[in-house]
């Protein structure tokens, strides 16, 4: 079985898979890991070495009783992914080009920024920044989707989104720019949210939403980090447009005929582990009739 997996991976790296095999492979969880390894490896170069001398040096250190052990395949893949990600980051940092990270549907990724600030991307989200700006104490990045930030104290830290911008000096906060709206929660410190002539300052436990140029404020429990620490999504008086988006980004489903329901409001939560359970909980609570087909499409009546 293991030999079949090795052969399949080798065929993919050599572009020898049939259309049917490639289509099937792209739907698996392993595909995203292998794709990242392949993409980052394109940046790597191998230095010139004295192969003969290196082999002689290694051979002299091998004892007659040495045993050869077979490497665990899963461990090799994980180690390769870590090494490639490290060198991929190093390459971006040393070449002063934009660095970008992107999470797939239902994926949660954690990254450390050049100043040791931490960012956790929620599913179907993208982050981009220029590392050379960090050296100039201009900490600025662009976000599409949802992310949680733990910002080290220092110069001004700015998160730009299509719907508005967020600025802090050092704090913990969550930004969600899915579904053409901006939602910000402050978990510690202070957060400044602005767009054009609109500006608001949030402190610990305060949340803010900007939707269709209408502003909303509310308080929340900072101990509940919802998707970050738990296997669920939580909502408070949230427009269904954002709830639909959360379901699509978590489970890779497409919801059709949403227009008549996007302005309804939902308060509650759903599990990130089961799409049928999530849809049943949300749609039944909102009295929305629906049906599912075989292509992971949910059709609303």
C-alpha atoms as a PDB file:
ATOM      1  CA  UNK A   1       0.000   0.000   0.000  1.00  0.00           C
ATOM      2  CA  UNK A   2       2.832   2.372   0.881  1.00  0.00           C
ATOM      3  CA  UNK A   3       4.534   1.721  -2.477  1.00  0.00           C
ATOM      4  CA  UNK A   4       1.306   2.693  -4.234  1.00  0.00           C
ATOM      5  CA  UNK A   5       1.245   6.014  -2.347  1.00  0.00           C
ATOM      6  CA  UNK A   6       4.885   6.701  -3.246  1.00  0.00           C
ATOM      7  CA  UNK A   7       4.235   5.914  -6.910  1.00  0.00           C
ATOM      8  CA  UNK A   8       1.121   8.107  -6.957  1.00  0.00           C
ATOM      9  CA  UNK A   9       3.029  11.049  -5.427  1.00  0.00           C
ATOM     10  CA  UNK A  10       5.912  10.576  -7.883  1.00  0.00           C
ATOM     11  CA  UNK A  11       3.505  10.605 -10.828  1.00  0.00           C
ATOM     12  CA  UNK A  12       1.962  13.849  -9.554  1.00  0.00           C
ATOM     13  CA  UNK A  13       5.358  15.538  -9.153  1.00  0.00           C
ATOM     14  CA  UNK A  14       6.213  14.509 -12.735  1.00  0.00           C
ATOM     15  CA  UNK A  15       2.822  15.662 -14.078  1.00  0.00           C
ATOM     16  CA  UNK A  16       2.027  12.093 -15.148  1.00  0.00           C
ATOM     17  CA  UNK A  17      -1.400  11.772 -13.510  1.00  0.00           C
ATOM     18  CA  UNK A  18      -4.458  11.393 -15.706  1.00  0.00           C
ATOM     19  CA  UNK A  19      -7.172  14.061 -15.520  1.00  0.00           C
ATOM     20  CA  UNK A  20      -9.329  11.724 -13.471  1.00  0.00           C
ATOM     21  CA  UNK A  21      -6.508  10.917 -11.034  1.00  0.00           C
ATOM     22  CA  UNK A  22      -5.564  14.604 -10.657  1.00  0.00           C
ATOM     23  CA  UNK A  23      -9.176  15.645 -10.069  1.00  0.00           C
ATOM     24  CA  UNK A  24      -9.573  12.984  -7.385  1.00  0.00           C
ATOM     25  CA  UNK A  25      -6.235  13.873  -5.743  1.00  0.00           C
ATOM     26  CA  UNK A  26      -7.053  17.616  -5.541  1.00  0.00           C
ATOM     27  CA  UNK A  27     -10.068  16.787  -3.373  1.00  0.00           C
ATOM     28  CA  UNK A  28      -7.970  15.115  -0.668  1.00  0.00           C
ATOM     29  CA  UNK A  29      -6.530  16.776   2.456  1.00  0.00           C
ATOM     30  CA  UNK A  30      -2.997  15.629   1.553  1.00  0.00           C
ATOM     31  CA  UNK A  31      -3.071  17.538  -1.731  1.00  0.00           C
ATOM     32  CA  UNK A  32      -2.754  20.954  -0.021  1.00  0.00           C
ATOM     33  CA  UNK A  33       0.299  19.831   1.976  1.00  0.00           C
ATOM     34  CA  UNK A  34       2.051  18.347  -1.070  1.00  0.00           C
ATOM     35  CA  UNK A  35       1.181  21.445  -3.124  1.00  0.00           C
ATOM     36  CA  UNK A  36       2.801  23.768  -0.557  1.00  0.00           C
ATOM     37  CA  UNK A  37       5.920  21.599  -0.440  1.00  0.00           C
ATOM     38  CA  UNK A  38       6.158  21.662  -4.223  1.00  0.00           C
ATOM     39  CA  UNK A  39       5.561  25.434  -4.459  1.00  0.00           C
ATOM     40  CA  UNK A  40       8.138  26.368  -1.813  1.00  0.00           C
ATOM     41  CA  UNK A  41      10.721  23.957  -3.177  1.00  0.00           C
ATOM     42  CA  UNK A  42      10.830  25.969  -6.403  1.00  0.00           C
ATOM     43  CA  UNK A  43      12.583  28.727  -4.443  1.00  0.00           C
ATOM     44  CA  UNK A  44      15.342  26.499  -3.120  1.00  0.00           C
ATOM     45  CA  UNK A  45      18.776  26.096  -4.654  1.00  0.00           C
ATOM     46  CA  UNK A  46      21.372  23.460  -3.823  1.00  0.00           C
ATOM     47  CA  UNK A  47      24.917  24.700  -3.150  1.00  0.00           C
ATOM     48  CA  UNK A  48      27.870  23.096  -4.935  1.00  0.00           C
ATOM     49  CA  UNK A  49      29.490  20.337  -2.895  1.00  0.00           C
ATOM     50  CA  UNK A  50      32.324  17.888  -3.163  1.00  0.00           C
ATOM     51  CA  UNK A  51      30.232  14.717  -3.395  1.00  0.00           C
ATOM     52  CA  UNK A  52      33.203  12.329  -3.369  1.00  0.00           C
ATOM     53  CA  UNK A  53      34.822  13.946  -0.358  1.00  0.00           C
ATOM     54  CA  UNK A  54      31.536  14.186   1.537  1.00  0.00           C
ATOM     55  CA  UNK A  55      30.775  10.510   0.956  1.00  0.00           C
ATOM     56  CA  UNK A  56      34.244   9.438   2.115  1.00  0.00           C
ATOM     57  CA  UNK A  57      33.866  11.509   5.268  1.00  0.00           C
ATOM     58  CA  UNK A  58      30.487   9.947   6.062  1.00  0.00           C
ATOM     59  CA  UNK A  59      31.725   6.430   5.248  1.00  0.00           C
ATOM     60  CA  UNK A  60      34.605   6.740   7.715  1.00  0.00           C
ATOM     61  CA  UNK A  61      32.100   7.456  10.513  1.00  0.00           C
ATOM     62  CA  UNK A  62      29.932   4.388   9.813  1.00  0.00           C
ATOM     63  CA  UNK A  63      30.714   1.441  12.075  1.00  0.00           C
ATOM     64  CA  UNK A  64      30.368  -2.194  10.915  1.00  0.00           C
ATOM     65  CA  UNK A  65      27.533  -2.791  13.407  1.00  0.00           C
ATOM     66  CA  UNK A  66      25.480   0.203  12.285  1.00  0.00           C
ATOM     67  CA  UNK A  67      21.838  -0.592  11.545  1.00  0.00           C
ATOM     68  CA  UNK A  68      19.777   0.925   8.774  1.00  0.00           C
ATOM     69  CA  UNK A  69      16.280   1.955   9.776  1.00  0.00           C
ATOM     70  CA  UNK A  70      13.392   2.661   7.424  1.00  0.00           C
ATOM     71  CA  UNK A  71      12.059   6.204   7.835  1.00  0.00           C
ATOM     72  CA  UNK A  72       8.405   6.618   8.677  1.00  0.00           C
ATOM     73  CA  UNK A  73       6.699   8.002   5.585  1.00  0.00           C
ATOM     74  CA  UNK A  74       4.362  10.381   7.466  1.00  0.00           C
ATOM     75  CA  UNK A  75       7.271  11.714   9.537  1.00  0.00           C
ATOM     76  CA  UNK A  76       9.304  12.410   6.396  1.00  0.00           C
ATOM     77  CA  UNK A  77       6.437  14.361   4.813  1.00  0.00           C
ATOM     78  CA  UNK A  78       5.897  16.413   7.999  1.00  0.00           C
ATOM     79  CA  UNK A  79       9.618  17.145   8.322  1.00  0.00           C
ATOM     80  CA  UNK A  80       9.859  18.099   4.658  1.00  0.00           C
ATOM     81  CA  UNK A  81       6.908  20.447   5.036  1.00  0.00           C
ATOM     82  CA  UNK A  82       8.511  22.169   8.034  1.00  0.00           C
ATOM     83  CA  UNK A  83      11.877  22.535   6.291  1.00  0.00           C
ATOM     84  CA  UNK A  84      10.358  23.856   3.078  1.00  0.00           C
ATOM     85  CA  UNK A  85       8.123  26.305   4.960  1.00  0.00           C
ATOM     86  CA  UNK A  86      11.168  27.599   6.877  1.00  0.00           C
ATOM     87  CA  UNK A  87      13.242  28.119   3.743  1.00  0.00           C
ATOM     88  CA  UNK A  88      10.250  29.557   1.915  1.00  0.00           C
ATOM     89  CA  UNK A  89       9.847  32.157   4.653  1.00  0.00           C
ATOM     90  CA  UNK A  90      13.592  32.826   4.726  1.00  0.00           C
ATOM     91  CA  UNK A  91      13.623  33.332   0.980  1.00  0.00           C
ATOM     92  CA  UNK A  92      10.774  35.845   1.178  1.00  0.00           C
ATOM     93  CA  UNK A  93      12.348  37.732   4.066  1.00  0.00           C
ATOM     94  CA  UNK A  94      15.770  38.007   2.475  1.00  0.00           C
ATOM     95  CA  UNK A  95      14.496  39.091  -0.921  1.00  0.00           C
ATOM     96  CA  UNK A  96      12.264  41.906   0.384  1.00  0.00           C
ATOM     97  CA  UNK A  97       9.342  40.652  -1.692  1.00  0.00           C
ATOM     98  CA  UNK A  98       5.752  40.350  -0.536  1.00  0.00           C
ATOM     99  CA  UNK A  99       5.068  37.309   1.605  1.00  0.00           C
ATOM    100  CA  UNK A 100       1.593  35.796   1.506  1.00  0.00           C
ATOM    101  CA  UNK A 101      -0.137  32.969   3.358  1.00  0.00           C
ATOM    102  CA  UNK A 102      -3.452  31.406   2.461  1.00  0.00           C
ATOM    103  CA  UNK A 103      -5.618  28.896   4.325  1.00  0.00           C
ATOM    104  CA  UNK A 104      -7.878  26.481   2.497  1.00  0.00           C
ATOM    105  CA  UNK A 105     -11.507  25.658   3.277  1.00  0.00           C
ATOM    106  CA  UNK A 106     -11.878  24.438   6.867  1.00  0.00           C
ATOM    107  CA  UNK A 107      -8.165  24.950   7.603  1.00  0.00           C
ATOM    108  CA  UNK A 108      -6.670  26.875  10.539  1.00  0.00           C
ATOM    109  CA  UNK A 109      -3.051  28.080  10.198  1.00  0.00           C
ATOM    110  CA  UNK A 110      -0.694  29.878  12.616  1.00  0.00           C
ATOM    111  CA  UNK A 111       2.219  32.113  11.553  1.00  0.00           C
ATOM    112  CA  UNK A 112       4.839  34.161  13.369  1.00  0.00           C
ATOM    113  CA  UNK A 113       5.505  37.595  11.866  1.00  0.00           C
ATOM    114  CA  UNK A 114       9.000  39.175  11.739  1.00  0.00           C
ATOM    115  CA  UNK A 115       8.463  41.048  15.025  1.00  0.00           C
ATOM    116  CA  UNK A 116       7.298  37.819  16.771  1.00  0.00           C
ATOM    117  CA  UNK A 117       3.662  38.874  16.596  1.00  0.00           C
ATOM    118  CA  UNK A 118       1.365  35.905  16.007  1.00  0.00           C
ATOM    119  CA  UNK A 119      -1.494  35.542  13.540  1.00  0.00           C
ATOM    120  CA  UNK A 120      -3.955  32.648  13.242  1.00  0.00           C
ATOM    121  CA  UNK A 121      -5.813  32.406   9.921  1.00  0.00           C
ATOM    122  CA  UNK A 122      -9.304  30.926   9.842  1.00  0.00           C
ATOM    123  CA  UNK A 123     -10.534  28.921   6.841  1.00  0.00           C
ATOM    124  CA  UNK A 124     -10.441  30.404   3.337  1.00  0.00           C
ATOM    125  CA  UNK A 125      -8.441  33.471   4.366  1.00  0.00           C
ATOM    126  CA  UNK A 126      -5.372  35.206   2.941  1.00  0.00           C
ATOM    127  CA  UNK A 127      -2.675  37.391   4.495  1.00  0.00           C
ATOM    128  CA  UNK A 128      -0.005  39.435   2.681  1.00  0.00           C
ATOM    129  CA  UNK A 129       2.765  41.783   3.833  1.00  0.00           C
ATOM    130  CA  UNK A 130       6.156  43.164   2.864  1.00  0.00           C
ATOM    131  CA  UNK A 131       8.874  42.034   5.335  1.00  0.00           C
ATOM    132  CA  UNK A 132      11.122  44.980   4.461  1.00  0.00           C
ATOM    133  CA  UNK A 133       8.521  47.287   6.054  1.00  0.00           C
ATOM    134  CA  UNK A 134       9.007  45.523   9.386  1.00  0.00           C
ATOM    135  CA  UNK A 135      12.666  46.539   9.365  1.00  0.00           C
ATOM    136  CA  UNK A 136      11.495  50.144   8.941  1.00  0.00           C
ATOM    137  CA  UNK A 137       9.054  49.770  11.879  1.00  0.00           C
ATOM    138  CA  UNK A 138       6.111  49.965   9.501  1.00  0.00           C
ATOM    139  CA  UNK A 139       4.077  46.943  10.522  1.00  0.00           C
ATOM    140  CA  UNK A 140       1.335  46.721   7.903  1.00  0.00           C
ATOM    141  CA  UNK A 141      -0.419  43.798   6.231  1.00  0.00           C
ATOM    142  CA  UNK A 142      -3.467  43.038   4.088  1.00  0.00           C
ATOM    143  CA  UNK A 143      -6.137  40.552   5.130  1.00  0.00           C
ATOM    144  CA  UNK A 144      -8.951  38.919   3.203  1.00  0.00           C
ATOM    145  CA  UNK A 145     -11.045  36.721   5.462  1.00  0.00           C
ATOM    146  CA  UNK A 146     -10.724  36.158   9.207  1.00  0.00           C
ATOM    147  CA  UNK A 147      -7.710  36.121  11.517  1.00  0.00           C
ATOM    148  CA  UNK A 148      -6.795  36.439  15.194  1.00  0.00           C
ATOM    149  CA  UNK A 149      -3.766  38.592  16.078  1.00  0.00           C
ATOM    150  CA  UNK A 150      -1.444  38.669  19.094  1.00  0.00           C
ATOM    151  CA  UNK A 151       0.583  41.821  18.485  1.00  0.00           C
ATOM    152  CA  UNK A 152       3.882  42.551  20.223  1.00  0.00           C
ATOM    153  CA  UNK A 153       4.226  46.076  21.563  1.00  0.00           C
ATOM    154  CA  UNK A 154       6.117  48.403  19.256  1.00  0.00           C
ATOM    155  CA  UNK A 155       5.358  50.645  16.314  1.00  0.00           C
ATOM    156  CA  UNK A 156       1.874  51.032  14.852  1.00  0.00           C
ATOM    157  CA  UNK A 157       0.439  47.722  13.614  1.00  0.00           C
ATOM    158  CA  UNK A 158      -2.102  48.049  10.767  1.00  0.00           C
ATOM    159  CA  UNK A 159      -4.434  45.437   9.278  1.00  0.00           C
ATOM    160  CA  UNK A 160      -5.943  46.551   5.967  1.00  0.00           C
ATOM    161  CA  UNK A 161      -9.132  44.861   4.735  1.00  0.00           C
ATOM    162  CA  UNK A 162     -11.425  45.603   1.764  1.00  0.00           C
ATOM    163  CA  UNK A 163     -14.069  46.895   4.190  1.00  0.00           C
ATOM    164  CA  UNK A 164     -11.929  48.995   6.539  1.00  0.00           C
ATOM    165  CA  UNK A 165      -8.674  49.147   8.493  1.00  0.00           C
ATOM    166  CA  UNK A 166      -7.613  48.270  12.040  1.00  0.00           C
ATOM    167  CA  UNK A 167      -4.681  49.788  13.983  1.00  0.00           C
ATOM    168  CA  UNK A 168      -3.077  48.838  17.313  1.00  0.00           C
ATOM    169  CA  UNK A 169       0.214  49.188  19.191  1.00  0.00           C
ATOM    170  CA  UNK A 170       0.121  45.897  21.088  1.00  0.00           C
ATOM    171  CA  UNK A 171      -2.971  43.828  21.808  1.00  0.00           C
ATOM    172  CA  UNK A 172      -5.048  40.768  20.935  1.00  0.00           C
ATOM    173  CA  UNK A 173      -7.941  41.115  18.532  1.00  0.00           C
ATOM    174  CA  UNK A 174      -9.982  39.291  15.902  1.00  0.00           C
ATOM    175  CA  UNK A 175     -10.781  40.643  12.419  1.00  0.00           C
ATOM    176  CA  UNK A 176     -13.414  39.160  10.108  1.00  0.00           C
ATOM    177  CA  UNK A 177     -13.861  40.712   6.652  1.00  0.00           C
ATOM    178  CA  UNK A 178     -15.878  37.906   5.026  1.00  0.00           C
ATOM    179  CA  UNK A 179     -19.224  38.628   3.318  1.00  0.00           C
ATOM    180  CA  UNK A 180     -18.383  42.251   2.460  1.00  0.00           C
ATOM    181  CA  UNK A 181     -18.543  43.442   6.063  1.00  0.00           C
ATOM    182  CA  UNK A 182     -16.012  44.164   8.798  1.00  0.00           C
ATOM    183  CA  UNK A 183     -16.231  42.715  12.306  1.00  0.00           C
ATOM    184  CA  UNK A 184     -13.599  43.410  14.979  1.00  0.00           C
ATOM    185  CA  UNK A 185     -13.346  42.084  18.543  1.00  0.00           C
ATOM    186  CA  UNK A 186     -10.813  43.436  21.043  1.00  0.00           C
ATOM    187  CA  UNK A 187      -9.486  40.885  23.557  1.00  0.00           C
ATOM    188  CA  UNK A 188      -6.922  43.138  25.262  1.00  0.00           C
ATOM    189  CA  UNK A 189      -5.452  46.628  24.903  1.00  0.00           C
ATOM    190  CA  UNK A 190      -7.054  49.086  22.485  1.00  0.00           C
ATOM    191  CA  UNK A 191      -8.037  48.804  18.828  1.00  0.00           C
ATOM    192  CA  UNK A 192      -8.725  51.615  16.375  1.00  0.00           C
ATOM    193  CA  UNK A 193     -11.082  50.803  13.485  1.00  0.00           C
ATOM    194  CA  UNK A 194     -11.464  53.265  10.656  1.00  0.00           C
ATOM    195  CA  UNK A 195     -12.773  53.676   7.126  1.00  0.00           C
ATOM    196  CA  UNK A 196     -13.010  57.046   5.370  1.00  0.00           C
ATOM    197  CA  UNK A 197     -14.660  59.369   7.922  1.00  0.00           C
ATOM    198  CA  UNK A 198     -15.746  56.595  10.293  1.00  0.00           C
ATOM    199  CA  UNK A 199     -13.579  55.843  13.331  1.00  0.00           C
ATOM    200  CA  UNK A 200     -14.131  53.948  16.585  1.00  0.00           C
ATOM    201  CA  UNK A 201     -11.887  52.940  19.504  1.00  0.00           C
ATOM    202  CA  UNK A 202     -12.468  49.511  21.084  1.00  0.00           C
ATOM    203  CA  UNK A 203     -11.224  48.340  24.476  1.00  0.00           C
ATOM    204  CA  UNK A 204     -11.159  44.886  26.066  1.00  0.00           C
ATOM    205  CA  UNK A 205     -14.447  43.035  25.617  1.00  0.00           C
ATOM    206  CA  UNK A 206     -15.869  45.410  23.003  1.00  0.00           C
ATOM    207  CA  UNK A 207     -16.881  44.430  19.469  1.00  0.00           C
ATOM    208  CA  UNK A 208     -17.706  46.446  16.367  1.00  0.00           C
ATOM    209  CA  UNK A 209     -19.369  45.661  13.046  1.00  0.00           C
ATOM    210  CA  UNK A 210     -19.538  47.762   9.868  1.00  0.00           C
ATOM    211  CA  UNK A 211     -22.124  46.506   7.376  1.00  0.00           C
ATOM    212  CA  UNK A 212     -23.458  48.525   4.430  1.00  0.00           C
ATOM    213  CA  UNK A 213     -22.104  51.702   6.104  1.00  0.00           C
ATOM    214  CA  UNK A 214     -24.132  50.935   9.252  1.00  0.00           C
ATOM    215  CA  UNK A 215     -22.263  50.599  12.550  1.00  0.00           C
ATOM    216  CA  UNK A 216     -23.021  48.199  15.415  1.00  0.00           C
ATOM    217  CA  UNK A 217     -21.381  47.831  18.832  1.00  0.00           C
ATOM    218  CA  UNK A 218     -21.737  45.174  21.542  1.00  0.00           C
ATOM    219  CA  UNK A 219     -19.853  43.534  24.409  1.00  0.00           C
ATOM    220  CA  UNK A 220     -18.618  39.934  24.550  1.00  0.00           C
ATOM    221  CA  UNK A 221     -16.841  37.484  26.849  1.00  0.00           C
ATOM    222  CA  UNK A 222     -13.095  37.627  26.091  1.00  0.00           C
ATOM    223  CA  UNK A 223     -12.681  34.079  27.445  1.00  0.00           C
ATOM    224  CA  UNK A 224     -14.714  32.765  24.496  1.00  0.00           C
ATOM    225  CA  UNK A 225     -12.472  32.809  21.437  1.00  0.00           C
ATOM    226  CA  UNK A 226     -14.960  30.723  19.441  1.00  0.00           C
ATOM    227  CA  UNK A 227     -13.245  29.250  16.367  1.00  0.00           C
ATOM    228  CA  UNK A 228      -9.744  29.888  17.729  1.00  0.00           C
ATOM    229  CA  UNK A 229      -9.824  27.565  20.752  1.00  0.00           C
ATOM    230  CA  UNK A 230     -13.028  25.622  20.225  1.00  0.00           C
ATOM    231  CA  UNK A 231     -14.418  23.315  17.584  1.00  0.00           C
ATOM    232  CA  UNK A 232     -17.316  25.629  16.900  1.00  0.00           C
ATOM    233  CA  UNK A 233     -18.347  28.981  15.430  1.00  0.00           C
ATOM    234  CA  UNK A 234     -20.299  31.375  17.680  1.00  0.00           C
ATOM    235  CA  UNK A 235     -22.430  34.331  16.584  1.00  0.00           C
ATOM    236  CA  UNK A 236     -24.207  37.227  18.256  1.00  0.00           C
ATOM    237  CA  UNK A 237     -26.991  38.989  16.361  1.00  0.00           C
ATOM    238  CA  UNK A 238     -24.977  38.270  13.216  1.00  0.00           C
ATOM    239  CA  UNK A 239     -26.344  38.898   9.700  1.00  0.00           C
ATOM    240  CA  UNK A 240     -27.017  35.616   7.921  1.00  0.00           C
ATOM    241  CA  UNK A 241     -24.691  36.761   5.123  1.00  0.00           C
ATOM    242  CA  UNK A 242     -21.746  36.187   7.502  1.00  0.00           C
ATOM    243  CA  UNK A 243     -23.216  32.948   8.866  1.00  0.00           C
ATOM    244  CA  UNK A 244     -23.626  31.584   5.322  1.00  0.00           C
ATOM    245  CA  UNK A 245     -20.024  32.595   4.614  1.00  0.00           C
ATOM    246  CA  UNK A 246     -18.778  30.845   7.767  1.00  0.00           C
ATOM    247  CA  UNK A 247     -20.518  27.593   6.773  1.00  0.00           C
ATOM    248  CA  UNK A 248     -19.124  27.745   3.223  1.00  0.00           C
ATOM    249  CA  UNK A 249     -15.589  28.503   4.422  1.00  0.00           C
ATOM    250  CA  UNK A 250     -15.638  25.737   7.027  1.00  0.00           C
ATOM    251  CA  UNK A 251     -17.208  22.886   5.071  1.00  0.00           C
ATOM    252  CA  UNK A 252     -16.553  23.643   1.384  1.00  0.00           C
ATOM    253  CA  UNK A 253     -20.224  23.788   0.438  1.00  0.00           C
ATOM    254  CA  UNK A 254     -22.007  26.257  -1.796  1.00  0.00           C
ATOM    255  CA  UNK A 255     -25.272  27.818  -0.624  1.00  0.00           C
ATOM    256  CA  UNK A 256     -27.604  28.997  -3.378  1.00  0.00           C
ATOM    257  CA  UNK A 257     -30.605  31.366  -3.295  1.00  0.00           C
ATOM    258  CA  UNK A 258     -29.325  33.257  -0.246  1.00  0.00           C
ATOM    259  CA  UNK A 259     -30.502  36.715  -1.231  1.00  0.00           C
ATOM    260  CA  UNK A 260     -33.857  36.634   0.589  1.00  0.00           C
ATOM    261  CA  UNK A 261     -32.214  35.619   3.878  1.00  0.00           C
ATOM    262  CA  UNK A 262     -28.916  37.533   4.115  1.00  0.00           C
ATOM    263  CA  UNK A 263     -30.308  40.332   6.327  1.00  0.00           C
ATOM    264  CA  UNK A 264     -31.830  38.030   8.933  1.00  0.00           C
ATOM    265  CA  UNK A 265     -29.943  37.851  12.246  1.00  0.00           C
ATOM    266  CA  UNK A 266     -28.635  34.713  13.991  1.00  0.00           C
ATOM    267  CA  UNK A 267     -27.448  34.211  17.573  1.00  0.00           C
ATOM    268  CA  UNK A 268     -26.004  30.824  18.460  1.00  0.00           C
ATOM    269  CA  UNK A 269     -23.266  28.428  17.426  1.00  0.00           C
ATOM    270  CA  UNK A 270     -22.574  25.393  15.263  1.00  0.00           C
ATOM    271  CA  UNK A 271     -19.983  22.606  15.397  1.00  0.00           C
ATOM    272  CA  UNK A 272     -17.063  22.692  12.961  1.00  0.00           C
ATOM    273  CA  UNK A 273     -16.991  18.888  12.746  1.00  0.00           C
ATOM    274  CA  UNK A 274     -20.222  18.039  10.932  1.00  0.00           C
ATOM    275  CA  UNK A 275     -21.721  19.983   8.032  1.00  0.00           C
ATOM    276  CA  UNK A 276     -25.157  18.354   8.270  1.00  0.00           C
ATOM    277  CA  UNK A 277     -25.414  19.182  11.965  1.00  0.00           C
ATOM    278  CA  UNK A 278     -24.298  22.785  11.382  1.00  0.00           C
ATOM    279  CA  UNK A 279     -26.809  23.342   8.586  1.00  0.00           C
ATOM    280  CA  UNK A 280     -29.645  21.736  10.562  1.00  0.00           C
ATOM    281  CA  UNK A 281     -28.934  23.850  13.660  1.00  0.00           C
ATOM    282  CA  UNK A 282     -28.690  27.191  11.857  1.00  0.00           C
ATOM    283  CA  UNK A 283     -31.404  26.775   9.234  1.00  0.00           C
ATOM    284  CA  UNK A 284     -33.966  25.228  11.584  1.00  0.00           C
ATOM    285  CA  UNK A 285     -33.352  27.985  14.148  1.00  0.00           C
ATOM    286  CA  UNK A 286     -33.965  30.569  11.420  1.00  0.00           C
ATOM    287  CA  UNK A 287     -36.965  28.657  10.005  1.00  0.00           C
ATOM    288  CA  UNK A 288     -35.298  28.406   6.583  1.00  0.00           C
ATOM    289  CA  UNK A 289     -36.308  25.458   4.430  1.00  0.00           C
ATOM    290  CA  UNK A 290     -33.550  23.840   2.392  1.00  0.00           C
ATOM    291  CA  UNK A 291     -32.412  20.760   0.515  1.00  0.00           C
ATOM    292  CA  UNK A 292     -28.988  19.306  -0.266  1.00  0.00           C
ATOM    293  CA  UNK A 293     -27.792  17.720  -3.503  1.00  0.00           C
ATOM    294  CA  UNK A 294     -24.872  15.413  -4.281  1.00  0.00           C
ATOM    295  CA  UNK A 295     -22.487  18.243  -5.245  1.00  0.00           C
ATOM    296  CA  UNK A 296     -22.246  19.757  -1.746  1.00  0.00           C
ATOM    297  CA  UNK A 297     -24.669  22.504  -2.715  1.00  0.00           C
ATOM    298  CA  UNK A 298     -27.338  23.640  -0.282  1.00  0.00           C
ATOM    299  CA  UNK A 299     -30.368  25.119  -2.001  1.00  0.00           C
ATOM    300  CA  UNK A 300     -32.670  27.374  -0.018  1.00  0.00           C
ATOM    301  CA  UNK A 301     -36.339  27.575  -0.832  1.00  0.00           C
END
